[in-house]
Amino acid sequence: MWSLSLVVVLVLFTFLFFHCSLKLWSKTLSMTK
């Protein structure tokens, strides 16, 4: 049970990280254009 919640938190964290990095990447891309 505890490990399951840990996995959920990990997945959520990775998703948030990827989302933020993608946003930043698109921002820099539009700035260079």
C-alpha atoms as a PDB file:
ATOM      1  CA  MET A   1       0.000   0.000   0.000  1.00  0.00           C
ATOM      2  CA  TRP A   2       2.726   2.465   0.955  1.00  0.00           C
ATOM      3  CA  SER A   3       4.809   1.579  -2.092  1.00  0.00           C
ATOM      4  CA  LEU A   4       1.799   2.227  -4.322  1.00  0.00           C
ATOM      5  CA  SER A   5       1.428   5.788  -3.055  1.00  0.00           C
ATOM      6  CA  LEU A   6       5.139   6.274  -3.534  1.00  0.00           C
ATOM      7  CA  VAL A   7       4.883   5.202  -7.168  1.00  0.00           C
ATOM      8  CA  VAL A   8       1.949   7.554  -7.699  1.00  0.00           C
ATOM      9  CA  VAL A   9       3.906  10.468  -6.258  1.00  0.00           C
ATOM     10  CA  LEU A  10       6.895   9.600  -8.407  1.00  0.00           C
ATOM     11  CA  VAL A  11       4.801   9.472 -11.570  1.00  0.00           C
ATOM     12  CA  LEU A  12       3.160  12.771 -10.694  1.00  0.00           C
ATOM     13  CA  PHE A  13       6.534  14.383 -10.097  1.00  0.00           C
ATOM     14  CA  THR A  14       7.938  13.144 -13.403  1.00  0.00           C
ATOM     15  CA  PHE A  15       4.856  14.353 -15.251  1.00  0.00           C
ATOM     16  CA  LEU A  16       5.144  17.794 -13.678  1.00  0.00           C
ATOM     17  CA  PHE A  17       8.850  17.964 -14.475  1.00  0.00           C
ATOM     18  CA  PHE A  18       8.306  17.013 -18.110  1.00  0.00           C
ATOM     19  CA  HIS A  19       5.443  19.470 -18.434  1.00  0.00           C
ATOM     20  CA  CYS A  20       7.534  22.339 -17.051  1.00  0.00           C
ATOM     21  CA  SER A  21      10.545  21.472 -19.208  1.00  0.00           C
ATOM     22  CA  LEU A  22       8.360  21.289 -22.301  1.00  0.00           C
ATOM     23  CA  LYS A  23       6.863  24.674 -21.531  1.00  0.00           C
ATOM     24  CA  LEU A  24      10.290  26.195 -21.010  1.00  0.00           C
ATOM     25  CA  TRP A  25      11.613  24.593 -24.183  1.00  0.00           C
ATOM     26  CA  SER A  26       8.785  26.001 -26.318  1.00  0.00           C
ATOM     27  CA  LYS A  27       9.314  29.401 -24.708  1.00  0.00           C
ATOM     28  CA  THR A  28      12.990  29.475 -25.612  1.00  0.00           C
ATOM     29  CA  LEU A  29      12.199  28.216 -29.096  1.00  0.00           C
ATOM     30  CA  SER A  30       9.754  31.042 -29.748  1.00  0.00           C
ATOM     31  CA  MET A  31      12.270  33.536 -28.373  1.00  0.00           C
ATOM     32  CA  THR A  32      15.041  32.425 -30.725  1.00  0.00           C
ATOM     33  CA  LYS A  33      12.788  32.581 -33.774  1.00  0.00           C
END
